[in-house]
């Protein structure tokens, strides 16, 4: 399915986005690394104060960390069904 998400937060007047479209597990190793780093940074509250200065709340960051893990998990199960 196609999912489209919009976030109103801007950085220096610009919207930010990241797209990933892969139909294999080739991206799994980099996603594992990103998920581990994001989780570790979240747990230590790294850079939270800087994100808050730009209007990104702690809850927004939590959603991002969970979202990265959901994507990683989805690619990990790709082809098992």
C-alpha atoms as a PDB file:
ATOM      1  CA  UNK A   1       0.000   0.000   0.000  1.00  0.00           C
ATOM      2  CA  UNK A   2       1.011   3.594  -0.542  1.00  0.00           C
ATOM      3  CA  UNK A   3       1.309   5.731   2.566  1.00  0.00           C
ATOM      4  CA  UNK A   4       1.712   9.487   2.386  1.00  0.00           C
ATOM      5  CA  UNK A   5       2.630  11.521   5.453  1.00  0.00           C
ATOM      6  CA  UNK A   6       2.892  15.265   5.891  1.00  0.00           C
ATOM      7  CA  UNK A   7       4.680  17.009   8.703  1.00  0.00           C
ATOM      8  CA  UNK A   8       4.217  20.755   9.142  1.00  0.00           C
ATOM      9  CA  UNK A   9       7.558  21.223  10.934  1.00  0.00           C
ATOM     10  CA  UNK A  10      10.068  23.147   8.884  1.00  0.00           C
ATOM     11  CA  UNK A  11      13.772  23.769   9.222  1.00  0.00           C
ATOM     12  CA  UNK A  12      14.969  27.148   7.982  1.00  0.00           C
ATOM     13  CA  UNK A  13      11.721  27.479   6.023  1.00  0.00           C
ATOM     14  CA  UNK A  14      12.069  24.111   4.283  1.00  0.00           C
ATOM     15  CA  UNK A  15      10.056  20.928   4.687  1.00  0.00           C
ATOM     16  CA  UNK A  16      12.129  17.804   5.286  1.00  0.00           C
ATOM     17  CA  UNK A  17      11.512  14.336   3.955  1.00  0.00           C
ATOM     18  CA  UNK A  18      13.102  10.968   3.501  1.00  0.00           C
ATOM     19  CA  UNK A  19      11.927   8.322   1.093  1.00  0.00           C
ATOM     20  CA  UNK A  20      12.806   4.657   0.885  1.00  0.00           C
ATOM     21  CA  UNK A  21      11.416   2.221  -1.651  1.00  0.00           C
ATOM     22  CA  UNK A  22      13.098  -1.168  -1.896  1.00  0.00           C
ATOM     23  CA  UNK A  23      11.515  -4.525  -2.652  1.00  0.00           C
ATOM     24  CA  UNK A  24      14.264  -6.626  -1.071  1.00  0.00           C
ATOM     25  CA  UNK A  25      16.155  -6.915   2.185  1.00  0.00           C
ATOM     26  CA  UNK A  26      19.186  -5.124   0.715  1.00  0.00           C
ATOM     27  CA  UNK A  27      18.519  -2.110   2.926  1.00  0.00           C
ATOM     28  CA  UNK A  28      18.176  -4.122   6.137  1.00  0.00           C
ATOM     29  CA  UNK A  29      21.758  -3.735   7.399  1.00  0.00           C
ATOM     30  CA  UNK A  30      21.766   0.092   7.063  1.00  0.00           C
ATOM     31  CA  UNK A  31      18.266   0.246   8.600  1.00  0.00           C
ATOM     32  CA  UNK A  32      19.452  -1.859  11.546  1.00  0.00           C
ATOM     33  CA  UNK A  33      22.278   0.621  12.122  1.00  0.00           C
ATOM     34  CA  UNK A  34      19.919   3.615  11.888  1.00  0.00           C
ATOM     35  CA  UNK A  35      17.366   1.985  14.205  1.00  0.00           C
ATOM     36  CA  UNK A  36      20.018   1.162  16.818  1.00  0.00           C
ATOM     37  CA  UNK A  37      21.519   4.654  16.698  1.00  0.00           C
ATOM     38  CA  UNK A  38      18.103   6.364  16.816  1.00  0.00           C
ATOM     39  CA  UNK A  39      17.046   4.265  19.798  1.00  0.00           C
ATOM     40  CA  UNK A  40      20.303   4.912  21.650  1.00  0.00           C
ATOM     41  CA  UNK A  41      20.082   8.652  21.000  1.00  0.00           C
ATOM     42  CA  UNK A  42      16.446   8.714  22.087  1.00  0.00           C
ATOM     43  CA  UNK A  43      17.193   6.875  25.331  1.00  0.00           C
ATOM     44  CA  UNK A  44      20.009   9.289  26.182  1.00  0.00           C
ATOM     45  CA  UNK A  45      17.861  12.280  25.126  1.00  0.00           C
ATOM     46  CA  UNK A  46      20.665  13.403  22.802  1.00  0.00           C
ATOM     47  CA  UNK A  47      19.981  16.684  21.003  1.00  0.00           C
ATOM     48  CA  UNK A  48      16.380  16.880  22.311  1.00  0.00           C
ATOM     49  CA  UNK A  49      16.809  20.490  23.399  1.00  0.00           C
ATOM     50  CA  UNK A  50      17.975  21.459  19.909  1.00  0.00           C
ATOM     51  CA  UNK A  51      14.997  19.800  18.249  1.00  0.00           C
ATOM     52  CA  UNK A  52      12.651  21.515  20.695  1.00  0.00           C
ATOM     53  CA  UNK A  53      14.085  24.900  19.675  1.00  0.00           C
ATOM     54  CA  UNK A  54      12.742  24.227  16.164  1.00  0.00           C
ATOM     55  CA  UNK A  55       9.306  23.123  17.351  1.00  0.00           C
ATOM     56  CA  UNK A  56       9.865  19.364  17.310  1.00  0.00           C
ATOM     57  CA  UNK A  57       8.510  17.890  20.531  1.00  0.00           C
ATOM     58  CA  UNK A  58       9.713  14.912  22.530  1.00  0.00           C
ATOM     59  CA  UNK A  59       6.567  13.093  21.340  1.00  0.00           C
ATOM     60  CA  UNK A  60       7.469  13.848  17.708  1.00  0.00           C
ATOM     61  CA  UNK A  61      10.902  12.327  18.248  1.00  0.00           C
ATOM     62  CA  UNK A  62       9.378   9.248  19.880  1.00  0.00           C
ATOM     63  CA  UNK A  63       7.146   8.762  16.836  1.00  0.00           C
ATOM     64  CA  UNK A  64      10.175   8.947  14.553  1.00  0.00           C
ATOM     65  CA  UNK A  65      12.091   6.339  16.572  1.00  0.00           C
ATOM     66  CA  UNK A  66       9.080   4.007  16.520  1.00  0.00           C
ATOM     67  CA  UNK A  67       8.600   4.657  12.800  1.00  0.00           C
ATOM     68  CA  UNK A  68      12.196   3.698  12.011  1.00  0.00           C
ATOM     69  CA  UNK A  69      11.756   0.457  13.957  1.00  0.00           C
ATOM     70  CA  UNK A  70       8.488  -0.342  12.158  1.00  0.00           C
ATOM     71  CA  UNK A  71      10.156   0.161   8.777  1.00  0.00           C
ATOM     72  CA  UNK A  72      13.146  -1.958   9.806  1.00  0.00           C
ATOM     73  CA  UNK A  73      10.864  -4.712  11.057  1.00  0.00           C
ATOM     74  CA  UNK A  74       8.816  -4.646   7.854  1.00  0.00           C
ATOM     75  CA  UNK A  75      11.917  -5.098   5.707  1.00  0.00           C
ATOM     76  CA  UNK A  76      13.159  -7.872   8.035  1.00  0.00           C
ATOM     77  CA  UNK A  77       9.980  -9.865   7.421  1.00  0.00           C
ATOM     78  CA  UNK A  78       9.904  -9.155   3.672  1.00  0.00           C
ATOM     79  CA  UNK A  79       9.639 -12.420   1.775  1.00  0.00           C
ATOM     80  CA  UNK A  80       8.735 -14.535   4.806  1.00  0.00           C
ATOM     81  CA  UNK A  81       5.044 -14.480   4.066  1.00  0.00           C
END
